[in-house]
PDB file of N, CA and C in Angstrom:
ATOM      1  N   UNK A   1      74.435 103.717 124.156  1.00  0.00           N
ATOM      2  CA  UNK A   1      75.201 103.800 123.084  1.00  0.00           C
ATOM      3  C   UNK A   1      74.772 104.623 122.074  1.00  0.00           C
ATOM      4  N   UNK A   2      75.439 105.670 121.643  1.00  0.00           N
ATOM      5  CA  UNK A   2      74.957 106.838 120.691  1.00  0.00           C
ATOM      6  C   UNK A   2      74.684 106.339 119.238  1.00  0.00           C
ATOM      7  N   UNK A   3      74.006 107.071 118.543  1.00  0.00           N
ATOM      8  CA  UNK A   3      74.077 106.803 116.993  1.00  0.00           C
ATOM      9  C   UNK A   3      75.271 107.137 116.188  1.00  0.00           C
ATOM     10  N   UNK A   4      75.710 106.248 115.314  1.00  0.00           N
ATOM     11  CA  UNK A   4      77.071 106.706 114.634  1.00  0.00           C
ATOM     12  C   UNK A   4      76.975 108.138 113.872  1.00  0.00           C
ATOM     13  N   UNK A   5      78.081 108.739 114.061  1.00  0.00           N
ATOM     14  CA  UNK A   5      78.129 109.993 113.274  1.00  0.00           C
ATOM     15  C   UNK A   5      77.954 110.079 111.870  1.00  0.00           C
ATOM     16  N   UNK A   6      77.087 110.996 111.503  1.00  0.00           N
ATOM     17  CA  UNK A   6      76.777 111.248 110.131  1.00  0.00           C
ATOM     18  C   UNK A   6      78.020 111.458 109.263  1.00  0.00           C
ATOM     19  N   UNK A   7      78.199 110.775 108.132  1.00  0.00           N
ATOM     20  CA  UNK A   7      79.293 111.370 107.296  1.00  0.00           C
ATOM     21  C   UNK A   7      78.879 112.304 106.255  1.00  0.00           C
ATOM     22  N   UNK A   8      79.604 113.518 106.623  1.00  0.00           N
ATOM     23  CA  UNK A   8      79.492 114.746 106.044  1.00  0.00           C
ATOM     24  C   UNK A   8      80.519 114.960 104.978  1.00  0.00           C
ATOM     25  N   UNK A   9      80.315 115.440 103.772  1.00  0.00           N
ATOM     26  CA  UNK A   9      81.247 115.856 102.888  1.00  0.00           C
ATOM     27  C   UNK A   9      81.203 117.310 102.690  1.00  0.00           C
ATOM     28  N   UNK A  10      82.134 117.652 101.846  1.00  0.00           N
ATOM     29  CA  UNK A  10      82.191 119.263 101.612  1.00  0.00           C
ATOM     30  C   UNK A  10      81.067 119.585 100.744  1.00  0.00           C
ATOM     31  N   UNK A  11      80.490 120.965 100.913  1.00  0.00           N
ATOM     32  CA  UNK A  11      79.268 121.254 100.037  1.00  0.00           C
ATOM     33  C   UNK A  11      79.618 121.766  98.778  1.00  0.00           C
ATOM     34  N   UNK A  12      80.781 121.979  98.385  1.00  0.00           N
ATOM     35  CA  UNK A  12      81.350 122.390  97.032  1.00  0.00           C
ATOM     36  C   UNK A  12      81.010 121.567  96.065  1.00  0.00           C
ATOM     37  N   UNK A  13      80.417 121.878  94.960  1.00  0.00           N
ATOM     38  CA  UNK A  13      80.089 120.873  93.913  1.00  0.00           C
ATOM     39  C   UNK A  13      81.226 119.992  93.413  1.00  0.00           C
ATOM     40  N   UNK A  14      81.116 118.726  93.483  1.00  0.00           N
ATOM     41  CA  UNK A  14      82.335 117.891  92.734  1.00  0.00           C
ATOM     42  C   UNK A  14      83.322 117.395  93.820  1.00  0.00           C
ATOM     43  N   UNK A  15      83.159 118.204  95.020  1.00  0.00           N
ATOM     44  CA  UNK A  15      84.242 117.711  96.082  1.00  0.00           C
ATOM     45  C   UNK A  15      83.640 116.660  97.023  1.00  0.00           C
ATOM     46  N   UNK A  16      84.352 115.686  97.244  1.00  0.00           N
ATOM     47  CA  UNK A  16      83.985 114.476  97.987  1.00  0.00           C
ATOM     48  C   UNK A  16      84.717 114.515  99.386  1.00  0.00           C
ATOM     49  N   UNK A  17      85.630 115.545  99.543  1.00  0.00           N
ATOM     50  CA  UNK A  17      86.341 115.359 100.821  1.00  0.00           C
ATOM     51  C   UNK A  17      85.518 115.480 102.162  1.00  0.00           C
ATOM     52  N   UNK A  18      86.094 114.992 103.139  1.00  0.00           N
ATOM     53  CA  UNK A  18      85.286 115.161 104.423  1.00  0.00           C
ATOM     54  C   UNK A  18      85.029 116.501 104.931  1.00  0.00           C
ATOM     55  N   UNK A  19      83.957 116.655 105.536  1.00  0.00           N
ATOM     56  CA  UNK A  19      83.476 118.187 105.925  1.00  0.00           C
ATOM     57  C   UNK A  19      84.435 118.602 107.253  1.00  0.00           C
ATOM     58  N   UNK A  20      84.950 119.872 107.334  1.00  0.00           N
ATOM     59  CA  UNK A  20      85.777 120.284 108.377  1.00  0.00           C
ATOM     60  C   UNK A  20      84.774 121.425 109.053  1.00  0.00           C
ATOM     61  N   UNK A  21      84.691 122.385 108.385  1.00  0.00           N
ATOM     62  CA  UNK A  21      83.762 123.454 109.028  1.00  0.00           C
ATOM     63  C   UNK A  21      83.202 124.228 108.069  1.00  0.00           C
ATOM     64  N   UNK A  22      81.978 124.930 108.468  1.00  0.00           N
ATOM     65  CA  UNK A  22      81.077 125.888 107.634  1.00  0.00           C
ATOM     66  C   UNK A  22      80.737 125.229 106.473  1.00  0.00           C
ATOM     67  N   UNK A  23      80.760 123.916 106.385  1.00  0.00           N
ATOM     68  CA  UNK A  23      80.018 123.174 105.076  1.00  0.00           C
ATOM     69  C   UNK A  23      81.352 122.870 104.188  1.00  0.00           C
ATOM     70  N   UNK A  24      82.562 123.163 104.693  1.00  0.00           N
ATOM     71  CA  UNK A  24      83.610 123.011 103.559  1.00  0.00           C
ATOM     72  C   UNK A  24      84.656 122.052 104.110  1.00  0.00           C
ATOM     73  N   UNK A  25      85.408 121.336 103.203  1.00  0.00           N
ATOM     74  CA  UNK A  25      86.552 120.511 103.571  1.00  0.00           C
ATOM     75  C   UNK A  25      87.659 121.490 103.922  1.00  0.00           C
ATOM     76  N   UNK A  26      88.728 120.938 104.396  1.00  0.00           N
ATOM     77  CA  UNK A  26      89.700 121.587 104.925  1.00  0.00           C
ATOM     78  C   UNK A  26      90.471 122.632 103.857  1.00  0.00           C
ATOM     79  N   UNK A  27      90.576 122.198 102.629  1.00  0.00           N
ATOM     80  CA  UNK A  27      91.015 123.134 101.702  1.00  0.00           C
ATOM     81  C   UNK A  27      90.124 124.169 101.092  1.00  0.00           C
ATOM     82  N   UNK A  28      88.843 123.904 101.149  1.00  0.00           N
ATOM     83  CA  UNK A  28      87.753 124.952 100.722  1.00  0.00           C
ATOM     84  C   UNK A  28      87.635 125.879 101.883  1.00  0.00           C
ATOM     85  N   UNK A  29      87.767 125.363 103.095  1.00  0.00           N
ATOM     86  CA  UNK A  29      87.678 126.271 104.274  1.00  0.00           C
ATOM     87  C   UNK A  29      88.623 127.266 104.383  1.00  0.00           C
ATOM     88  N   UNK A  30      89.865 126.816 104.001  1.00  0.00           N
ATOM     89  CA  UNK A  30      91.141 127.674 104.091  1.00  0.00           C
ATOM     90  C   UNK A  30      90.840 128.864 103.024  1.00  0.00           C
ATOM     91  N   UNK A  31      90.466 128.619 101.808  1.00  0.00           N
ATOM     92  CA  UNK A  31      90.043 129.475 100.799  1.00  0.00           C
ATOM     93  C   UNK A  31      89.009 130.559 101.396  1.00  0.00           C
ATOM     94  N   UNK A  32      87.920 129.883 102.110  1.00  0.00           N
ATOM     95  CA  UNK A  32      86.940 130.804 102.672  1.00  0.00           C
ATOM     96  C   UNK A  32      87.399 131.749 103.767  1.00  0.00           C
ATOM     97  N   UNK A  33      88.335 131.302 104.528  1.00  0.00           N
ATOM     98  CA  UNK A  33      89.114 132.041 105.608  1.00  0.00           C
ATOM     99  C   UNK A  33      89.832 133.302 104.989  1.00  0.00           C
ATOM    100  N   UNK A  34      90.478 132.984 103.958  1.00  0.00           N
ATOM    101  CA  UNK A  34      91.426 134.078 103.366  1.00  0.00           C
ATOM    102  C   UNK A  34      90.562 134.904 102.471  1.00  0.00           C
ATOM    103  N   UNK A  35      89.207 134.679 102.117  1.00  0.00           N
ATOM    104  CA  UNK A  35      88.241 135.402 101.444  1.00  0.00           C
ATOM    105  C   UNK A  35      88.369 135.222  99.862  1.00  0.00           C
ATOM    106  N   UNK A  36      89.275 134.259  99.745  1.00  0.00           N
ATOM    107  CA  UNK A  36      89.434 133.935  98.191  1.00  0.00           C
ATOM    108  C   UNK A  36      88.347 133.192  97.570  1.00  0.00           C
ATOM    109  N   UNK A  37      88.205 133.351  96.446  1.00  0.00           N
ATOM    110  CA  UNK A  37      87.098 132.483  95.534  1.00  0.00           C
ATOM    111  C   UNK A  37      87.202 131.067  95.836  1.00  0.00           C
ATOM    112  N   UNK A  38      86.310 130.341  96.044  1.00  0.00           N
ATOM    113  CA  UNK A  38      86.071 128.947  96.359  1.00  0.00           C
ATOM    114  C   UNK A  38      86.136 128.213  95.002  1.00  0.00           C
ATOM    115  N   UNK A  39      87.460 127.637  94.833  1.00  0.00           N
ATOM    116  CA  UNK A  39      87.652 126.893  93.493  1.00  0.00           C
ATOM    117  C   UNK A  39      87.737 125.398  93.528  1.00  0.00           C
ATOM    118  N   UNK A  40      87.463 124.826  92.532  1.00  0.00           N
ATOM    119  CA  UNK A  40      87.629 123.197  92.506  1.00  0.00           C
ATOM    120  C   UNK A  40      88.968 122.715  92.930  1.00  0.00           C
ATOM    121  N   UNK A  41      89.222 121.702  93.436  1.00  0.00           N
ATOM    122  CA  UNK A  41      90.420 121.138  93.656  1.00  0.00           C
ATOM    123  C   UNK A  41      90.651 120.149  92.415  1.00  0.00           C
ATOM    124  N   UNK A  42      91.903 120.405  91.813  1.00  0.00           N
ATOM    125  CA  UNK A  42      92.321 119.478  90.781  1.00  0.00           C
ATOM    126  C   UNK A  42      92.994 118.149  91.289  1.00  0.00           C
ATOM    127  N   UNK A  43      92.858 117.172  90.711  1.00  0.00           N
ATOM    128  CA  UNK A  43      93.445 115.993  90.822  1.00  0.00           C
ATOM    129  C   UNK A  43      94.712 115.929  90.140  1.00  0.00           C
ATOM    130  N   UNK A  44      95.866 115.547  90.764  1.00  0.00           N
ATOM    131  CA  UNK A  44      97.195 115.535  90.035  1.00  0.00           C
ATOM    132  C   UNK A  44      97.616 114.109  89.890  1.00  0.00           C
ATOM    133  N   UNK A  45      97.966 113.814  88.657  1.00  0.00           N
ATOM    134  CA  UNK A  45      98.482 112.408  88.272  1.00  0.00           C
ATOM    135  C   UNK A  45     100.037 112.439  88.402  1.00  0.00           C
ATOM    136  N   UNK A  46     100.721 111.849  89.334  1.00  0.00           N
ATOM    137  CA  UNK A  46     102.156 112.010  89.275  1.00  0.00           C
ATOM    138  C   UNK A  46     102.711 110.725  88.610  1.00  0.00           C
ATOM    139  N   UNK A  47     102.036 109.849  88.118  1.00  0.00           N
ATOM    140  CA  UNK A  47     102.693 108.531  87.536  1.00  0.00           C
ATOM    141  C   UNK A  47     102.896 109.157  86.059  1.00  0.00           C
ATOM    142  N   UNK A  48     104.099 109.351  85.686  1.00  0.00           N
ATOM    143  CA  UNK A  48     104.407 109.849  84.213  1.00  0.00           C
ATOM    144  C   UNK A  48     104.862 108.645  83.395  1.00  0.00           C
ATOM    145  N   UNK A  49     104.646 107.364  84.059  1.00  0.00           N
ATOM    146  CA  UNK A  49     105.023 106.084  83.206  1.00  0.00           C
ATOM    147  C   UNK A  49     106.442 106.024  83.090  1.00  0.00           C
ATOM    148  N   UNK A  50     107.273 106.740  83.809  1.00  0.00           N
ATOM    149  CA  UNK A  50     108.647 106.631  83.697  1.00  0.00           C
ATOM    150  C   UNK A  50     109.261 105.901  84.856  1.00  0.00           C
ATOM    151  N   UNK A  51     110.494 105.389  84.789  1.00  0.00           N
ATOM    152  CA  UNK A  51     110.926 104.455  85.601  1.00  0.00           C
ATOM    153  C   UNK A  51     112.482 105.290  86.066  1.00  0.00           C
ATOM    154  N   UNK A  52     112.842 104.910  87.380  1.00  0.00           N
ATOM    155  CA  UNK A  52     114.133 105.276  87.879  1.00  0.00           C
ATOM    156  C   UNK A  52     115.171 105.258  87.126  1.00  0.00           C
ATOM    157  N   UNK A  53     116.054 106.304  86.935  1.00  0.00           N
ATOM    158  CA  UNK A  53     117.193 106.360  85.932  1.00  0.00           C
ATOM    159  C   UNK A  53     118.334 105.589  86.549  1.00  0.00           C
ATOM    160  N   UNK A  54     118.315 105.191  87.696  1.00  0.00           N
ATOM    161  CA  UNK A  54     119.322 104.390  88.388  1.00  0.00           C
ATOM    162  C   UNK A  54     119.382 102.975  87.882  1.00  0.00           C
ATOM    163  N   UNK A  55     120.518 102.524  87.405  1.00  0.00           N
ATOM    164  CA  UNK A  55     120.773 101.376  86.863  1.00  0.00           C
ATOM    165  C   UNK A  55     120.163 100.180  87.646  1.00  0.00           C
ATOM    166  N   UNK A  56     119.275  99.280  87.140  1.00  0.00           N
ATOM    167  CA  UNK A  56     118.903  98.069  88.191  1.00  0.00           C
ATOM    168  C   UNK A  56     117.670  98.451  88.866  1.00  0.00           C
ATOM    169  N   UNK A  57     117.112  99.789  88.771  1.00  0.00           N
ATOM    170  CA  UNK A  57     115.897 100.015  89.649  1.00  0.00           C
ATOM    171  C   UNK A  57     114.892 100.265  88.842  1.00  0.00           C
ATOM    172  N   UNK A  58     113.693  99.481  89.056  1.00  0.00           N
ATOM    173  CA  UNK A  58     112.465  99.595  88.378  1.00  0.00           C
ATOM    174  C   UNK A  58     111.376 100.234  89.068  1.00  0.00           C
ATOM    175  N   UNK A  59     111.563 101.118  89.909  1.00  0.00           N
ATOM    176  CA  UNK A  59     110.613 101.798  90.678  1.00  0.00           C
ATOM    177  C   UNK A  59     110.131 102.985  89.826  1.00  0.00           C
ATOM    178  N   UNK A  60     108.951 103.431  90.035  1.00  0.00           N
ATOM    179  CA  UNK A  60     108.405 104.671  89.253  1.00  0.00           C
ATOM    180  C   UNK A  60     109.204 105.872  89.652  1.00  0.00           C
ATOM    181  N   UNK A  61     109.309 106.830  88.614  1.00  0.00           N
ATOM    182  CA  UNK A  61     109.958 108.127  89.006  1.00  0.00           C
ATOM    183  C   UNK A  61     109.096 108.990  89.708  1.00  0.00           C
ATOM    184  N   UNK A  62     109.938 109.775  90.707  1.00  0.00           N
ATOM    185  CA  UNK A  62     109.303 110.740  91.508  1.00  0.00           C
ATOM    186  C   UNK A  62     109.719 112.024  91.019  1.00  0.00           C
ATOM    187  N   UNK A  63     111.048 112.320  91.154  1.00  0.00           N
ATOM    188  CA  UNK A  63     111.415 113.811  90.881  1.00  0.00           C
ATOM    189  C   UNK A  63     112.694 113.523  90.261  1.00  0.00           C
ATOM    190  N   UNK A  64     113.204 114.491  89.249  1.00  0.00           N
ATOM    191  CA  UNK A  64     114.565 114.475  88.504  1.00  0.00           C
ATOM    192  C   UNK A  64     115.044 113.162  87.938  1.00  0.00           C
ATOM    193  N   UNK A  65     114.027 112.246  87.594  1.00  0.00           N
ATOM    194  CA  UNK A  65     114.388 111.180  87.117  1.00  0.00           C
ATOM    195  C   UNK A  65     114.618 109.921  88.105  1.00  0.00           C
ATOM    196  N   UNK A  66     114.488 110.151  89.392  1.00  0.00           N
ATOM    197  CA  UNK A  66     114.670 109.275  90.226  1.00  0.00           C
ATOM    198  C   UNK A  66     113.568 108.785  91.135  1.00  0.00           C
ATOM    199  N   UNK A  67     113.446 107.503  91.560  1.00  0.00           N
ATOM    200  CA  UNK A  67     112.417 107.021  92.425  1.00  0.00           C
ATOM    201  C   UNK A  67     112.595 107.609  93.774  1.00  0.00           C
ATOM    202  N   UNK A  68     111.517 107.546  94.731  1.00  0.00           N
ATOM    203  CA  UNK A  68     111.368 108.097  95.929  1.00  0.00           C
ATOM    204  C   UNK A  68     112.817 107.893  96.868  1.00  0.00           C
ATOM    205  N   UNK A  69     113.200 106.600  96.742  1.00  0.00           N
ATOM    206  CA  UNK A  69     114.397 105.998  97.672  1.00  0.00           C
ATOM    207  C   UNK A  69     115.772 106.775  97.153  1.00  0.00           C
ATOM    208  N   UNK A  70     115.866 106.836  95.824  1.00  0.00           N
ATOM    209  CA  UNK A  70     117.113 107.333  95.253  1.00  0.00           C
ATOM    210  C   UNK A  70     116.958 108.809  95.320  1.00  0.00           C
ATOM    211  N   UNK A  71     115.853 109.444  95.192  1.00  0.00           N
ATOM    212  CA  UNK A  71     115.782 110.873  95.238  1.00  0.00           C
ATOM    213  C   UNK A  71     116.104 111.319  96.741  1.00  0.00           C
ATOM    214  N   UNK A  72     115.660 110.645  97.788  1.00  0.00           N
ATOM    215  CA  UNK A  72     115.950 110.948  99.239  1.00  0.00           C
ATOM    216  C   UNK A  72     117.534 110.888  99.445  1.00  0.00           C
ATOM    217  N   UNK A  73     118.160 109.822  98.869  1.00  0.00           N
ATOM    218  CA  UNK A  73     119.527 109.768  99.001  1.00  0.00           C
ATOM    219  C   UNK A  73     120.171 110.730  98.472  1.00  0.00           C
ATOM    220  N   UNK A  74     119.547 111.252  97.305  1.00  0.00           N
ATOM    221  CA  UNK A  74     120.305 112.343  96.470  1.00  0.00           C
ATOM    222  C   UNK A  74     120.202 113.667  97.288  1.00  0.00           C
ATOM    223  N   UNK A  75     118.912 113.838  97.898  1.00  0.00           N
ATOM    224  CA  UNK A  75     118.744 115.177  98.797  1.00  0.00           C
ATOM    225  C   UNK A  75     119.844 115.091  99.904  1.00  0.00           C
ATOM    226  N   UNK A  76     119.875 113.921 100.699  1.00  0.00           N
ATOM    227  CA  UNK A  76     120.471 113.854 101.827  1.00  0.00           C
ATOM    228  C   UNK A  76     122.146 113.987 101.671  1.00  0.00           C
ATOM    229  N   UNK A  77     122.518 113.099 100.711  1.00  0.00           N
ATOM    230  CA  UNK A  77     123.981 112.866 100.445  1.00  0.00           C
ATOM    231  C   UNK A  77     124.542 113.551  99.237  1.00  0.00           C
ATOM    232  N   UNK A  78     123.738 113.972  98.333  1.00  0.00           N
ATOM    233  CA  UNK A  78     124.290 114.515  97.170  1.00  0.00           C
ATOM    234  C   UNK A  78     124.541 113.581  96.205  1.00  0.00           C
ATOM    235  N   UNK A  79     124.231 112.539  96.360  1.00  0.00           N
ATOM    236  CA  UNK A  79     124.313 111.439  95.310  1.00  0.00           C
ATOM    237  C   UNK A  79     123.274 110.252  95.361  1.00  0.00           C
ATOM    238  N   UNK A  80     122.874 109.605  94.369  1.00  0.00           N
ATOM    239  CA  UNK A  80     121.862 108.537  94.653  1.00  0.00           C
ATOM    240  C   UNK A  80     122.238 107.181  95.088  1.00  0.00           C
ATOM    241  N   UNK A  81     123.676 107.017  95.019  1.00  0.00           N
ATOM    242  CA  UNK A  81     124.139 105.474  95.392  1.00  0.00           C
ATOM    243  C   UNK A  81     124.534 105.443  96.746  1.00  0.00           C
ATOM    244  N   UNK A  82     124.337 106.624  97.537  1.00  0.00           N
ATOM    245  CA  UNK A  82     124.723 106.464  99.034  1.00  0.00           C
ATOM    246  C   UNK A  82     123.835 105.574  99.661  1.00  0.00           C
ATOM    247  N   UNK A  83     124.321 104.600 100.615  1.00  0.00           N
ATOM    248  CA  UNK A  83     123.448 103.632 101.257  1.00  0.00           C
ATOM    249  C   UNK A  83     123.884 103.846 102.783  1.00  0.00           C
ATOM    250  N   UNK A  84     122.675 103.833 103.699  1.00  0.00           N
ATOM    251  CA  UNK A  84     122.896 103.844 105.038  1.00  0.00           C
ATOM    252  C   UNK A  84     123.843 102.577 105.783  1.00  0.00           C
ATOM    253  N   UNK A  85     124.668 102.795 106.477  1.00  0.00           N
ATOM    254  CA  UNK A  85     125.276 101.738 107.021  1.00  0.00           C
ATOM    255  C   UNK A  85     125.323 101.910 108.495  1.00  0.00           C
ATOM    256  N   UNK A  86     124.774 101.006 109.206  1.00  0.00           N
ATOM    257  CA  UNK A  86     124.686 101.087 110.699  1.00  0.00           C
ATOM    258  C   UNK A  86     126.138 101.267 111.421  1.00  0.00           C
ATOM    259  N   UNK A  87     126.243 102.081 112.475  1.00  0.00           N
ATOM    260  CA  UNK A  87     127.450 102.132 113.323  1.00  0.00           C
ATOM    261  C   UNK A  87     128.074 100.751 113.479  1.00  0.00           C
ATOM    262  N   UNK A  88     129.336 100.544 113.359  1.00  0.00           N
ATOM    263  CA  UNK A  88     130.191  99.446 113.677  1.00  0.00           C
ATOM    264  C   UNK A  88     130.398  98.428 112.513  1.00  0.00           C
ATOM    265  N   UNK A  89     129.751  98.793 111.352  1.00  0.00           N
ATOM    266  CA  UNK A  89     129.883  97.953 110.113  1.00  0.00           C
ATOM    267  C   UNK A  89     130.985  98.684 109.146  1.00  0.00           C
ATOM    268  N   UNK A  90     131.632  97.803 108.357  1.00  0.00           N
ATOM    269  CA  UNK A  90     132.542  98.379 107.439  1.00  0.00           C
ATOM    270  C   UNK A  90     131.979  98.354 106.125  1.00  0.00           C
TER     271      UNK A  90
END
């Protein structure tokens, strides 16, 4: 039985993502390959404190004032109230 692998992290200051190659995480490694300057990764907060605009839904907003479920329905069907019905049901 071999020893457990070492937990390596990205060598960029402040980055705690796992190591991929050349001492960088996947994001910083892509910057390195492109020849772009290595920049810190900004954390994004998607919780705006808003709730879905559909009546009776208390889920947090994802986009366009809708939660992820209602937003997906809007993308697929053009309206947020569309509901999937299995074949053979009325």
